[in-house]
Amino acid sequence: QLLAGLSLFVAAEGLIRHVYKPFFHSRLTKRETVMLT
């Protein structure tokens, strides 16, 4: 679970913060970014 939890977190952050937000929804707020992650 140490490795699985870390990998889930990094993958989800990547999808939301590094793909979805910059390319599809740049106006996403900090709170919304955390919620979507």
Full PDB file with SEQRES, HELIX, SHEET, SSBOND, CRYST1, ORIGX, SCALE, CONECT and MASTER records, all heavy atoms in Angstrom:
SEQRES   1 A   37  GLN LEU LEU ALA GLY LEU SER LEU PHE VAL ALA ALA GLU          
SEQRES   2 A   37  GLY LEU ILE ARG HIS VAL TYR LYS PRO PHE PHE HIS SER          
SEQRES   3 A   37  ARG LEU THR LYS ARG GLU THR VAL MET LEU THR                  
HELIX    1 AA1 LEU A    2  GLU A   13  1                                  12    
HELIX    2 AA2 GLY A   14  TYR A   20  3                                   7    
HELIX    3 AA3 LYS A   21  PHE A   24  1                                   4    
HELIX    4 AA4 LYS A   30  LEU A   36  1                                   7    
CRYST1    1.000    1.000    1.000  90.00  90.00  90.00 P 1           1          
ORIGX1      1.000000  0.000000  0.000000        0.00000                         
ORIGX2      0.000000  1.000000  0.000000        0.00000                         
ORIGX3      0.000000  0.000000  1.000000        0.00000                         
SCALE1      1.000000  0.000000  0.000000        0.00000                         
SCALE2      0.000000  1.000000  0.000000        0.00000                         
SCALE3      0.000000  0.000000  1.000000        0.00000                         
ATOM      1  N   GLN A   1       0.809  -1.212   0.000  1.00  0.00           N  
ATOM      2  CA  GLN A   1       0.000   0.000   0.000  1.00  0.00           C  
ATOM      3  C   GLN A   1       0.849   1.272   0.000  1.00  0.00           C  
ATOM      4  O   GLN A   1       0.384   2.317  -0.454  1.00  0.00           O  
ATOM      5  CB  GLN A   1      -0.953  -0.014   1.193  1.00  0.00           C  
ATOM      6  CG  GLN A   1      -2.041  -1.065   1.067  1.00  0.00           C  
ATOM      7  CD  GLN A   1      -3.394  -0.537   1.467  1.00  0.00           C  
ATOM      8  OE1 GLN A   1      -3.526   0.050   2.526  1.00  0.00           O  
ATOM      9  NE2 GLN A   1      -4.382  -0.760   0.632  1.00  0.00           N  
ATOM     10  N   LEU A   2       2.056   1.207   0.495  1.00  0.00           N  
ATOM     11  CA  LEU A   2       2.949   2.365   0.402  1.00  0.00           C  
ATOM     12  C   LEU A   2       3.165   2.745  -1.054  1.00  0.00           C  
ATOM     13  O   LEU A   2       2.985   3.904  -1.449  1.00  0.00           O  
ATOM     14  CB  LEU A   2       4.282   2.052   1.077  1.00  0.00           C  
ATOM     15  CG  LEU A   2       5.426   3.058   0.837  1.00  0.00           C  
ATOM     16  CD1 LEU A   2       5.034   4.446   1.304  1.00  0.00           C  
ATOM     17  CD2 LEU A   2       6.705   2.599   1.516  1.00  0.00           C  
ATOM     18  N   LEU A   3       3.531   1.760  -1.870  1.00  0.00           N  
ATOM     19  CA  LEU A   3       3.782   2.025  -3.282  1.00  0.00           C  
ATOM     20  C   LEU A   3       2.486   2.279  -4.039  1.00  0.00           C  
ATOM     21  O   LEU A   3       2.410   3.173  -4.888  1.00  0.00           O  
ATOM     22  CB  LEU A   3       4.547   0.859  -3.902  1.00  0.00           C  
ATOM     23  CG  LEU A   3       4.965   1.000  -5.363  1.00  0.00           C  
ATOM     24  CD1 LEU A   3       5.763   2.271  -5.580  1.00  0.00           C  
ATOM     25  CD2 LEU A   3       5.756  -0.215  -5.820  1.00  0.00           C  
ATOM     26  N   ALA A   4       1.429   1.498  -3.736  1.00  0.00           N  
ATOM     27  CA  ALA A   4       0.161   1.652  -4.449  1.00  0.00           C  
ATOM     28  C   ALA A   4      -0.467   3.009  -4.159  1.00  0.00           C  
ATOM     29  O   ALA A   4      -0.990   3.674  -5.065  1.00  0.00           O  
ATOM     30  CB  ALA A   4      -0.795   0.521  -4.061  1.00  0.00           C  
ATOM     31  N   GLY A   5      -0.436   3.436  -2.894  1.00  0.00           N  
ATOM     32  CA  GLY A   5      -1.005   4.733  -2.555  1.00  0.00           C  
ATOM     33  C   GLY A   5      -0.261   5.872  -3.221  1.00  0.00           C  
ATOM     34  O   GLY A   5      -0.869   6.809  -3.762  1.00  0.00           O  
ATOM     35  N   LEU A   6       1.057   5.796  -3.210  1.00  0.00           N  
ATOM     36  CA  LEU A   6       1.862   6.834  -3.850  1.00  0.00           C  
ATOM     37  C   LEU A   6       1.590   6.883  -5.353  1.00  0.00           C  
ATOM     38  O   LEU A   6       1.434   7.965  -5.934  1.00  0.00           O  
ATOM     39  CB  LEU A   6       3.344   6.573  -3.577  1.00  0.00           C  
ATOM     40  CG  LEU A   6       4.337   7.538  -4.222  1.00  0.00           C  
ATOM     41  CD1 LEU A   6       4.159   8.949  -3.680  1.00  0.00           C  
ATOM     42  CD2 LEU A   6       5.771   7.057  -3.988  1.00  0.00           C  
ATOM     43  N   SER A   7       1.522   5.719  -5.989  1.00  0.00           N  
ATOM     44  CA  SER A   7       1.312   5.690  -7.441  1.00  0.00           C  
ATOM     45  C   SER A   7      -0.083   6.189  -7.813  1.00  0.00           C  
ATOM     46  O   SER A   7      -0.245   6.922  -8.801  1.00  0.00           O  
ATOM     47  CB  SER A   7       1.537   4.278  -7.983  1.00  0.00           C  
ATOM     48  OG  SER A   7       0.620   3.367  -7.408  1.00  0.00           O  
ATOM     49  N   LEU A   8      -1.104   5.818  -7.035  1.00  0.00           N  
ATOM     50  CA  LEU A   8      -2.453   6.331  -7.291  1.00  0.00           C  
ATOM     51  C   LEU A   8      -2.488   7.857  -7.181  1.00  0.00           C  
ATOM     52  O   LEU A   8      -3.092   8.544  -8.009  1.00  0.00           O  
ATOM     53  CB  LEU A   8      -3.447   5.731  -6.297  1.00  0.00           C  
ATOM     54  CG  LEU A   8      -4.076   4.379  -6.619  1.00  0.00           C  
ATOM     55  CD1 LEU A   8      -4.984   3.931  -5.487  1.00  0.00           C  
ATOM     56  CD2 LEU A   8      -4.846   4.426  -7.929  1.00  0.00           C  
ATOM     57  N   PHE A   9      -1.839   8.362  -6.162  1.00  0.00           N  
ATOM     58  CA  PHE A   9      -1.836   9.806  -5.930  1.00  0.00           C  
ATOM     59  C   PHE A   9      -1.135  10.546  -7.072  1.00  0.00           C  
ATOM     60  O   PHE A   9      -1.657  11.534  -7.599  1.00  0.00           O  
ATOM     61  CB  PHE A   9      -1.145  10.114  -4.597  1.00  0.00           C  
ATOM     62  CG  PHE A   9      -1.080  11.570  -4.270  1.00  0.00           C  
ATOM     63  CD1 PHE A   9      -2.178  12.218  -3.735  1.00  0.00           C  
ATOM     64  CD2 PHE A   9       0.079  12.294  -4.493  1.00  0.00           C  
ATOM     65  CE1 PHE A   9      -2.124  13.576  -3.442  1.00  0.00           C  
ATOM     66  CE2 PHE A   9       0.137  13.651  -4.206  1.00  0.00           C  
ATOM     67  CZ  PHE A   9      -0.969  14.289  -3.679  1.00  0.00           C  
ATOM     68  N   VAL A  10       0.045  10.072  -7.470  1.00  0.00           N  
ATOM     69  CA  VAL A  10       0.813  10.751  -8.519  1.00  0.00           C  
ATOM     70  C   VAL A  10       0.085  10.662  -9.857  1.00  0.00           C  
ATOM     71  O   VAL A  10       0.053  11.631 -10.636  1.00  0.00           O  
ATOM     72  CB  VAL A  10       2.228  10.147  -8.621  1.00  0.00           C  
ATOM     73  CG1 VAL A  10       3.003  10.772  -9.780  1.00  0.00           C  
ATOM     74  CG2 VAL A  10       2.991  10.367  -7.323  1.00  0.00           C  
ATOM     75  N   ALA A  11      -0.529   9.497 -10.142  1.00  0.00           N  
ATOM     76  CA  ALA A  11      -1.268   9.353 -11.393  1.00  0.00           C  
ATOM     77  C   ALA A  11      -2.478  10.282 -11.433  1.00  0.00           C  
ATOM     78  O   ALA A  11      -2.744  10.943 -12.447  1.00  0.00           O  
ATOM     79  CB  ALA A  11      -1.709   7.904 -11.574  1.00  0.00           C  
ATOM     80  N   ALA A  12      -3.230  10.345 -10.331  1.00  0.00           N  
ATOM     81  CA  ALA A  12      -4.409  11.217 -10.283  1.00  0.00           C  
ATOM     82  C   ALA A  12      -4.010  12.687 -10.376  1.00  0.00           C  
ATOM     83  O   ALA A  12      -4.650  13.476 -11.092  1.00  0.00           O  
ATOM     84  CB  ALA A  12      -5.198  10.948  -8.997  1.00  0.00           C  
ATOM     85  N   GLU A  13      -2.953  13.073  -9.671  1.00  0.00           N  
ATOM     86  CA  GLU A  13      -2.471  14.452  -9.762  1.00  0.00           C  
ATOM     87  C   GLU A  13      -2.061  14.786 -11.187  1.00  0.00           C  
ATOM     88  O   GLU A  13      -2.358  15.862 -11.703  1.00  0.00           O  
ATOM     89  CB  GLU A  13      -1.289  14.664  -8.821  1.00  0.00           C  
ATOM     90  CG  GLU A  13      -0.737  16.079  -8.873  1.00  0.00           C  
ATOM     91  CD  GLU A  13       0.650  16.212  -8.271  1.00  0.00           C  
ATOM     92  OE1 GLU A  13       1.346  15.193  -8.134  1.00  0.00           O  
ATOM     93  OE2 GLU A  13       1.028  17.344  -7.940  1.00  0.00           O  
ATOM     94  N   GLY A  14      -1.377  13.845 -11.837  1.00  0.00           N  
ATOM     95  CA  GLY A  14      -0.952  14.084 -13.208  1.00  0.00           C  
ATOM     96  C   GLY A  14      -2.126  14.294 -14.146  1.00  0.00           C  
ATOM     97  O   GLY A  14      -2.112  15.197 -14.994  1.00  0.00           O  
ATOM     98  N   LEU A  15      -3.154  13.466 -13.998  1.00  0.00           N  
ATOM     99  CA  LEU A  15      -4.319  13.598 -14.876  1.00  0.00           C  
ATOM    100  C   LEU A  15      -5.020  14.936 -14.688  1.00  0.00           C  
ATOM    101  O   LEU A  15      -5.433  15.571 -15.668  1.00  0.00           O  
ATOM    102  CB  LEU A  15      -5.306  12.455 -14.594  1.00  0.00           C  
ATOM    103  CG  LEU A  15      -4.903  11.066 -15.093  1.00  0.00           C  
ATOM    104  CD1 LEU A  15      -5.901  10.030 -14.607  1.00  0.00           C  
ATOM    105  CD2 LEU A  15      -4.819  11.044 -16.620  1.00  0.00           C  
ATOM    106  N   ILE A  16      -5.162  15.382 -13.447  1.00  0.00           N  
ATOM    107  CA  ILE A  16      -5.922  16.603 -13.186  1.00  0.00           C  
ATOM    108  C   ILE A  16      -5.052  17.854 -13.319  1.00  0.00           C  
ATOM    109  O   ILE A  16      -5.376  18.781 -14.072  1.00  0.00           O  
ATOM    110  CB  ILE A  16      -6.562  16.549 -11.780  1.00  0.00           C  
ATOM    111  CG1 ILE A  16      -7.466  15.317 -11.660  1.00  0.00           C  
ATOM    112  CG2 ILE A  16      -7.359  17.825 -11.520  1.00  0.00           C  
ATOM    113  CD1 ILE A  16      -8.563  15.233 -12.701  1.00  0.00           C  
ATOM    114  N   ARG A  17      -3.926  17.896 -12.588  1.00  0.00           N  
ATOM    115  CA  ARG A  17      -3.114  19.120 -12.564  1.00  0.00           C  
ATOM    116  C   ARG A  17      -2.290  19.324 -13.831  1.00  0.00           C  
ATOM    117  O   ARG A  17      -2.058  20.463 -14.242  1.00  0.00           O  
ATOM    118  CB  ARG A  17      -2.170  19.106 -11.367  1.00  0.00           C  
ATOM    119  CG  ARG A  17      -2.838  19.311 -10.021  1.00  0.00           C  
ATOM    120  CD  ARG A  17      -1.798  19.453  -8.930  1.00  0.00           C  
ATOM    121  NE  ARG A  17      -1.063  20.707  -9.044  1.00  0.00           N  
ATOM    122  CZ  ARG A  17       0.170  20.891  -8.575  1.00  0.00           C  
ATOM    123  NH1 ARG A  17       0.810  19.901  -7.984  1.00  0.00           N  
ATOM    124  NH2 ARG A  17       0.757  22.059  -8.692  1.00  0.00           N  
ATOM    125  N   HIS A  18      -1.823  18.226 -14.438  1.00  0.00           N  
ATOM    126  CA  HIS A  18      -0.885  18.369 -15.546  1.00  0.00           C  
ATOM    127  C   HIS A  18      -1.493  18.108 -16.918  1.00  0.00           C  
ATOM    128  O   HIS A  18      -0.847  18.408 -17.927  1.00  0.00           O  
ATOM    129  CB  HIS A  18       0.306  17.437 -15.329  1.00  0.00           C  
ATOM    130  CG  HIS A  18       1.015  17.661 -14.032  1.00  0.00           C  
ATOM    131  ND1 HIS A  18       1.370  18.915 -13.598  1.00  0.00           N  
ATOM    132  CD2 HIS A  18       1.415  16.799 -13.055  1.00  0.00           C  
ATOM    133  CE1 HIS A  18       1.967  18.823 -12.420  1.00  0.00           C  
ATOM    134  NE2 HIS A  18       1.995  17.563 -12.070  1.00  0.00           N  
ATOM    135  N   VAL A  19      -2.689  17.527 -16.960  1.00  0.00           N  
ATOM    136  CA  VAL A  19      -3.339  17.282 -18.252  1.00  0.00           C  
ATOM    137  C   VAL A  19      -4.667  18.034 -18.348  1.00  0.00           C  
ATOM    138  O   VAL A  19      -4.848  18.901 -19.204  1.00  0.00           O  
ATOM    139  CB  VAL A  19      -3.554  15.769 -18.487  1.00  0.00           C  
ATOM    140  CG1 VAL A  19      -4.302  15.547 -19.802  1.00  0.00           C  
ATOM    141  CG2 VAL A  19      -2.223  15.033 -18.523  1.00  0.00           C  
ATOM    142  N   TYR A  20      -5.596  17.718 -17.447  1.00  0.00           N  
ATOM    143  CA  TYR A  20      -6.930  18.303 -17.564  1.00  0.00           C  
ATOM    144  C   TYR A  20      -6.912  19.822 -17.356  1.00  0.00           C  
ATOM    145  O   TYR A  20      -7.471  20.576 -18.163  1.00  0.00           O  
ATOM    146  CB  TYR A  20      -7.877  17.651 -16.557  1.00  0.00           C  
ATOM    147  CG  TYR A  20      -9.270  18.241 -16.566  1.00  0.00           C  
ATOM    148  CD1 TYR A  20     -10.131  18.010 -17.645  1.00  0.00           C  
ATOM    149  CD2 TYR A  20      -9.718  19.054 -15.525  1.00  0.00           C  
ATOM    150  CE1 TYR A  20     -11.402  18.562 -17.672  1.00  0.00           C  
ATOM    151  CE2 TYR A  20     -10.987  19.609 -15.547  1.00  0.00           C  
ATOM    152  CZ  TYR A  20     -11.825  19.356 -16.617  1.00  0.00           C  
ATOM    153  OH  TYR A  20     -13.079  19.904 -16.644  1.00  0.00           O  
ATOM    154  N   LYS A  21      -6.280  20.277 -16.286  1.00  0.00           N  
ATOM    155  CA  LYS A  21      -6.316  21.711 -15.979  1.00  0.00           C  
ATOM    156  C   LYS A  21      -5.630  22.578 -17.043  1.00  0.00           C  
ATOM    157  O   LYS A  21      -6.222  23.553 -17.533  1.00  0.00           O  
ATOM    158  CB  LYS A  21      -5.703  21.971 -14.600  1.00  0.00           C  
ATOM    159  CG  LYS A  21      -5.772  23.433 -14.175  1.00  0.00           C  
ATOM    160  CD  LYS A  21      -5.273  23.634 -12.754  1.00  0.00           C  
ATOM    161  CE  LYS A  21      -5.351  25.101 -12.360  1.00  0.00           C  
ATOM    162  NZ  LYS A  21      -4.920  25.319 -10.953  1.00  0.00           N  
ATOM    163  N   PRO A  22      -4.389  22.284 -17.447  1.00  0.00           N  
ATOM    164  CA  PRO A  22      -3.743  23.181 -18.422  1.00  0.00           C  
ATOM    165  C   PRO A  22      -4.333  23.108 -19.830  1.00  0.00           C  
ATOM    166  O   PRO A  22      -4.273  24.083 -20.574  1.00  0.00           O  
ATOM    167  CB  PRO A  22      -2.280  22.728 -18.414  1.00  0.00           C  
ATOM    168  CG  PRO A  22      -2.309  21.343 -17.886  1.00  0.00           C  
ATOM    169  CD  PRO A  22      -3.454  21.264 -16.942  1.00  0.00           C  
ATOM    170  N   PHE A  23      -4.912  21.970 -20.207  1.00  0.00           N  
ATOM    171  CA  PHE A  23      -5.375  21.813 -21.581  1.00  0.00           C  
ATOM    172  C   PHE A  23      -6.883  21.978 -21.745  1.00  0.00           C  
ATOM    173  O   PHE A  23      -7.349  22.332 -22.826  1.00  0.00           O  
ATOM    174  CB  PHE A  23      -4.958  20.448 -22.132  1.00  0.00           C  
ATOM    175  CG  PHE A  23      -3.476  20.263 -22.226  1.00  0.00           C  
ATOM    176  CD1 PHE A  23      -2.824  19.343 -21.430  1.00  0.00           C  
ATOM    177  CD2 PHE A  23      -2.719  21.030 -23.100  1.00  0.00           C  
ATOM    178  CE1 PHE A  23      -1.450  19.174 -21.504  1.00  0.00           C  
ATOM    179  CE2 PHE A  23      -1.350  20.867 -23.181  1.00  0.00           C  
ATOM    180  CZ  PHE A  23      -0.712  19.944 -22.376  1.00  0.00           C  
ATOM    181  N   PHE A  24      -7.642  21.710 -20.684  1.00  0.00           N  
ATOM    182  CA  PHE A  24      -9.095  21.688 -20.845  1.00  0.00           C  
ATOM    183  C   PHE A  24      -9.860  22.596 -19.881  1.00  0.00           C  
ATOM    184  O   PHE A  24     -11.033  22.859 -20.090  1.00  0.00           O  
ATOM    185  CB  PHE A  24      -9.617  20.253 -20.681  1.00  0.00           C  
ATOM    186  CG  PHE A  24      -8.998  19.280 -21.622  1.00  0.00           C  
ATOM    187  CD1 PHE A  24      -8.057  18.362 -21.182  1.00  0.00           C  
ATOM    188  CD2 PHE A  24      -9.332  19.285 -22.967  1.00  0.00           C  
ATOM    189  CE1 PHE A  24      -7.476  17.460 -22.058  1.00  0.00           C  
ATOM    190  CE2 PHE A  24      -8.756  18.390 -23.855  1.00  0.00           C  
ATOM    191  CZ  PHE A  24      -7.818  17.473 -23.397  1.00  0.00           C  
ATOM    192  N   HIS A  25      -9.231  23.063 -18.799  1.00  0.00           N  
ATOM    193  CA  HIS A  25      -9.961  23.883 -17.832  1.00  0.00           C  
ATOM    194  C   HIS A  25      -8.970  24.700 -17.001  1.00  0.00           C  
ATOM    195  O   HIS A  25      -8.777  24.449 -15.814  1.00  0.00           O  
ATOM    196  CB  HIS A  25     -10.822  22.997 -16.927  1.00  0.00           C  
ATOM    197  CG  HIS A  25     -11.890  23.757 -16.206  1.00  0.00           C  
ATOM    198  ND1 HIS A  25     -12.918  23.138 -15.532  1.00  0.00           N  
ATOM    199  CD2 HIS A  25     -12.100  25.091 -16.053  1.00  0.00           C  
ATOM    200  CE1 HIS A  25     -13.702  24.041 -14.989  1.00  0.00           C  
ATOM    201  NE2 HIS A  25     -13.220  25.236 -15.301  1.00  0.00           N  
ATOM    202  N   SER A  26      -8.370  25.708 -17.609  1.00  0.00           N  
ATOM    203  CA  SER A  26      -7.317  26.467 -16.928  1.00  0.00           C  
ATOM    204  C   SER A  26      -7.851  27.323 -15.786  1.00  0.00           C  
ATOM    205  O   SER A  26      -7.077  27.758 -14.935  1.00  0.00           O  
ATOM    206  CB  SER A  26      -6.590  27.357 -17.940  1.00  0.00           C  
ATOM    207  OG  SER A  26      -7.505  28.257 -18.554  1.00  0.00           O  
ATOM    208  N   ARG A  27      -9.158  27.560 -15.747  1.00  0.00           N  
ATOM    209  CA  ARG A  27      -9.735  28.379 -14.685  1.00  0.00           C  
ATOM    210  C   ARG A  27     -10.100  27.574 -13.441  1.00  0.00           C  
ATOM    211  O   ARG A  27     -10.732  28.100 -12.527  1.00  0.00           O  
ATOM    212  CB  ARG A  27     -10.981  29.097 -15.206  1.00  0.00           C  
ATOM    213  CG  ARG A  27     -10.691  30.155 -16.258  1.00  0.00           C  
ATOM    214  CD  ARG A  27     -11.941  30.925 -16.616  1.00  0.00           C  
ATOM    215  NE  ARG A  27     -11.649  32.014 -17.541  1.00  0.00           N  
ATOM    216  CZ  ARG A  27     -12.557  32.875 -17.980  1.00  0.00           C  
ATOM    217  NH1 ARG A  27     -13.825  32.760 -17.586  1.00  0.00           N  
ATOM    218  NH2 ARG A  27     -12.218  33.833 -18.809  1.00  0.00           N  
ATOM    219  N   LEU A  28      -9.703  26.351 -13.397  1.00  0.00           N  
ATOM    220  CA  LEU A  28     -10.004  25.502 -12.246  1.00  0.00           C  
ATOM    221  C   LEU A  28      -9.362  26.089 -10.987  1.00  0.00           C  
ATOM    222  O   LEU A  28      -8.179  26.422 -10.973  1.00  0.00           O  
ATOM    223  CB  LEU A  28      -9.451  24.095 -12.499  1.00  0.00           C  
ATOM    224  CG  LEU A  28     -10.158  22.909 -11.842  1.00  0.00           C  
ATOM    225  CD1 LEU A  28     -11.595  22.789 -12.335  1.00  0.00           C  
ATOM    226  CD2 LEU A  28      -9.385  21.628 -12.142  1.00  0.00           C  
ATOM    227  N   THR A  29     -10.139  26.224  -9.912  1.00  0.00           N  
ATOM    228  CA  THR A  29      -9.605  26.776  -8.665  1.00  0.00           C  
ATOM    229  C   THR A  29      -8.822  25.712  -7.900  1.00  0.00           C  
ATOM    230  O   THR A  29      -8.878  24.520  -8.221  1.00  0.00           O  
ATOM    231  CB  THR A  29     -10.746  27.290  -7.773  1.00  0.00           C  
ATOM    232  OG1 THR A  29     -11.564  26.179  -7.369  1.00  0.00           O  
ATOM    233  CG2 THR A  29     -11.601  28.308  -8.518  1.00  0.00           C  
ATOM    234  N   LYS A  30      -8.113  26.149  -6.861  1.00  0.00           N  
ATOM    235  CA  LYS A  30      -7.349  25.207  -6.048  1.00  0.00           C  
ATOM    236  C   LYS A  30      -8.265  24.175  -5.391  1.00  0.00           C  
ATOM    237  O   LYS A  30      -7.961  22.981  -5.381  1.00  0.00           O  
ATOM    238  CB  LYS A  30      -6.562  25.965  -4.979  1.00  0.00           C  
ATOM    239  CG  LYS A  30      -5.422  26.802  -5.523  1.00  0.00           C  
ATOM    240  CD  LYS A  30      -4.650  27.462  -4.397  1.00  0.00           C  
ATOM    241  CE  LYS A  30      -3.468  28.249  -4.944  1.00  0.00           C  
ATOM    242  NZ  LYS A  30      -2.666  28.864  -3.858  1.00  0.00           N  
ATOM    243  N   ARG A  31      -9.373  24.652  -4.834  1.00  0.00           N  
ATOM    244  CA  ARG A  31     -10.301  23.740  -4.178  1.00  0.00           C  
ATOM    245  C   ARG A  31     -10.879  22.728  -5.166  1.00  0.00           C  
ATOM    246  O   ARG A  31     -10.988  21.537  -4.872  1.00  0.00           O  
ATOM    247  CB  ARG A  31     -11.429  24.529  -3.514  1.00  0.00           C  
ATOM    248  CG  ARG A  31     -12.435  23.669  -2.754  1.00  0.00           C  
ATOM    249  CD  ARG A  31     -13.520  24.534  -2.140  1.00  0.00           C  
ATOM    250  NE  ARG A  31     -12.967  25.411  -1.118  1.00  0.00           N  
ATOM    251  CZ  ARG A  31     -12.799  25.037   0.151  1.00  0.00           C  
ATOM    252  NH1 ARG A  31     -13.132  23.816   0.535  1.00  0.00           N  
ATOM    253  NH2 ARG A  31     -12.301  25.890   1.029  1.00  0.00           N  
ATOM    254  N   GLU A  32     -11.225  23.186  -6.354  1.00  0.00           N  
ATOM    255  CA  GLU A  32     -11.776  22.285  -7.376  1.00  0.00           C  
ATOM    256  C   GLU A  32     -10.726  21.289  -7.858  1.00  0.00           C  
ATOM    257  O   GLU A  32     -11.035  20.127  -8.147  1.00  0.00           O  
ATOM    258  CB  GLU A  32     -12.305  23.107  -8.547  1.00  0.00           C  
ATOM    259  CG  GLU A  32     -13.547  23.916  -8.218  1.00  0.00           C  
ATOM    260  CD  GLU A  32     -13.890  24.913  -9.319  1.00  0.00           C  
ATOM    261  OE1 GLU A  32     -12.992  25.248 -10.129  1.00  0.00           O  
ATOM    262  OE2 GLU A  32     -15.045  25.365  -9.354  1.00  0.00           O  
ATOM    263  N   THR A  33      -9.472  21.744  -7.929  1.00  0.00           N  
ATOM    264  CA  THR A  33      -8.393  20.843  -8.350  1.00  0.00           C  
ATOM    265  C   THR A  33      -8.216  19.706  -7.349  1.00  0.00           C  
ATOM    266  O   THR A  33      -8.068  18.538  -7.738  1.00  0.00           O  
ATOM    267  CB  THR A  33      -7.079  21.627  -8.489  1.00  0.00           C  
ATOM    268  OG1 THR A  33      -7.256  22.692  -9.412  1.00  0.00           O  
ATOM    269  CG2 THR A  33      -5.962  20.717  -8.987  1.00  0.00           C  
ATOM    270  N   VAL A  34      -8.230  20.034  -6.060  1.00  0.00           N  
ATOM    271  CA  VAL A  34      -8.115  19.000  -5.030  1.00  0.00           C  
ATOM    272  C   VAL A  34      -9.300  18.049  -5.093  1.00  0.00           C  
ATOM    273  O   VAL A  34      -9.146  16.826  -5.019  1.00  0.00           O  
ATOM    274  CB  VAL A  34      -8.011  19.653  -3.632  1.00  0.00           C  
ATOM    275  CG1 VAL A  34      -8.113  18.592  -2.542  1.00  0.00           C  
ATOM    276  CG2 VAL A  34      -6.698  20.415  -3.504  1.00  0.00           C  
ATOM    277  N   MET A  35     -10.506  18.596  -5.247  1.00  0.00           N  
ATOM    278  CA  MET A  35     -11.694  17.758  -5.299  1.00  0.00           C  
ATOM    279  C   MET A  35     -11.642  16.795  -6.488  1.00  0.00           C  
ATOM    280  O   MET A  35     -11.907  15.588  -6.350  1.00  0.00           O  
ATOM    281  CB  MET A  35     -12.945  18.626  -5.394  1.00  0.00           C  
ATOM    282  CG  MET A  35     -14.250  17.828  -5.430  1.00  0.00           C  
ATOM    283  SD  MET A  35     -15.664  18.839  -5.889  1.00  0.00           S  
ATOM    284  CE  MET A  35     -15.286  19.182  -7.625  1.00  0.00           C  
ATOM    285  N   LEU A  36     -11.291  17.298  -7.678  1.00  0.00           N  
ATOM    286  CA  LEU A  36     -11.217  16.440  -8.863  1.00  0.00           C  
ATOM    287  C   LEU A  36     -10.111  15.396  -8.729  1.00  0.00           C  
ATOM    288  O   LEU A  36     -10.245  14.270  -9.222  1.00  0.00           O  
ATOM    289  CB  LEU A  36     -10.994  17.287 -10.113  1.00  0.00           C  
ATOM    290  CG  LEU A  36     -12.211  18.067 -10.626  1.00  0.00           C  
ATOM    291  CD1 LEU A  36     -11.837  18.864 -11.860  1.00  0.00           C  
ATOM    292  CD2 LEU A  36     -13.360  17.114 -10.945  1.00  0.00           C  
ATOM    293  N   THR A  37      -9.018  15.759  -8.076  1.00  0.00           N  
ATOM    294  CA  THR A  37      -7.951  14.780  -7.863  1.00  0.00           C  
ATOM    295  C   THR A  37      -8.429  13.651  -6.963  1.00  0.00           C  
ATOM    296  O   THR A  37      -8.112  12.476  -7.201  1.00  0.00           O  
ATOM    297  CB  THR A  37      -6.713  15.467  -7.248  1.00  0.00           C  
ATOM    298  OG1 THR A  37      -6.273  16.510  -8.109  1.00  0.00           O  
ATOM    299  CG2 THR A  37      -5.583  14.469  -7.054  1.00  0.00           C  
TER     300      THR A  37                                                      
MASTER        0    0    0    4    0    0    0    6  299    1    0    3          
END                                                                             
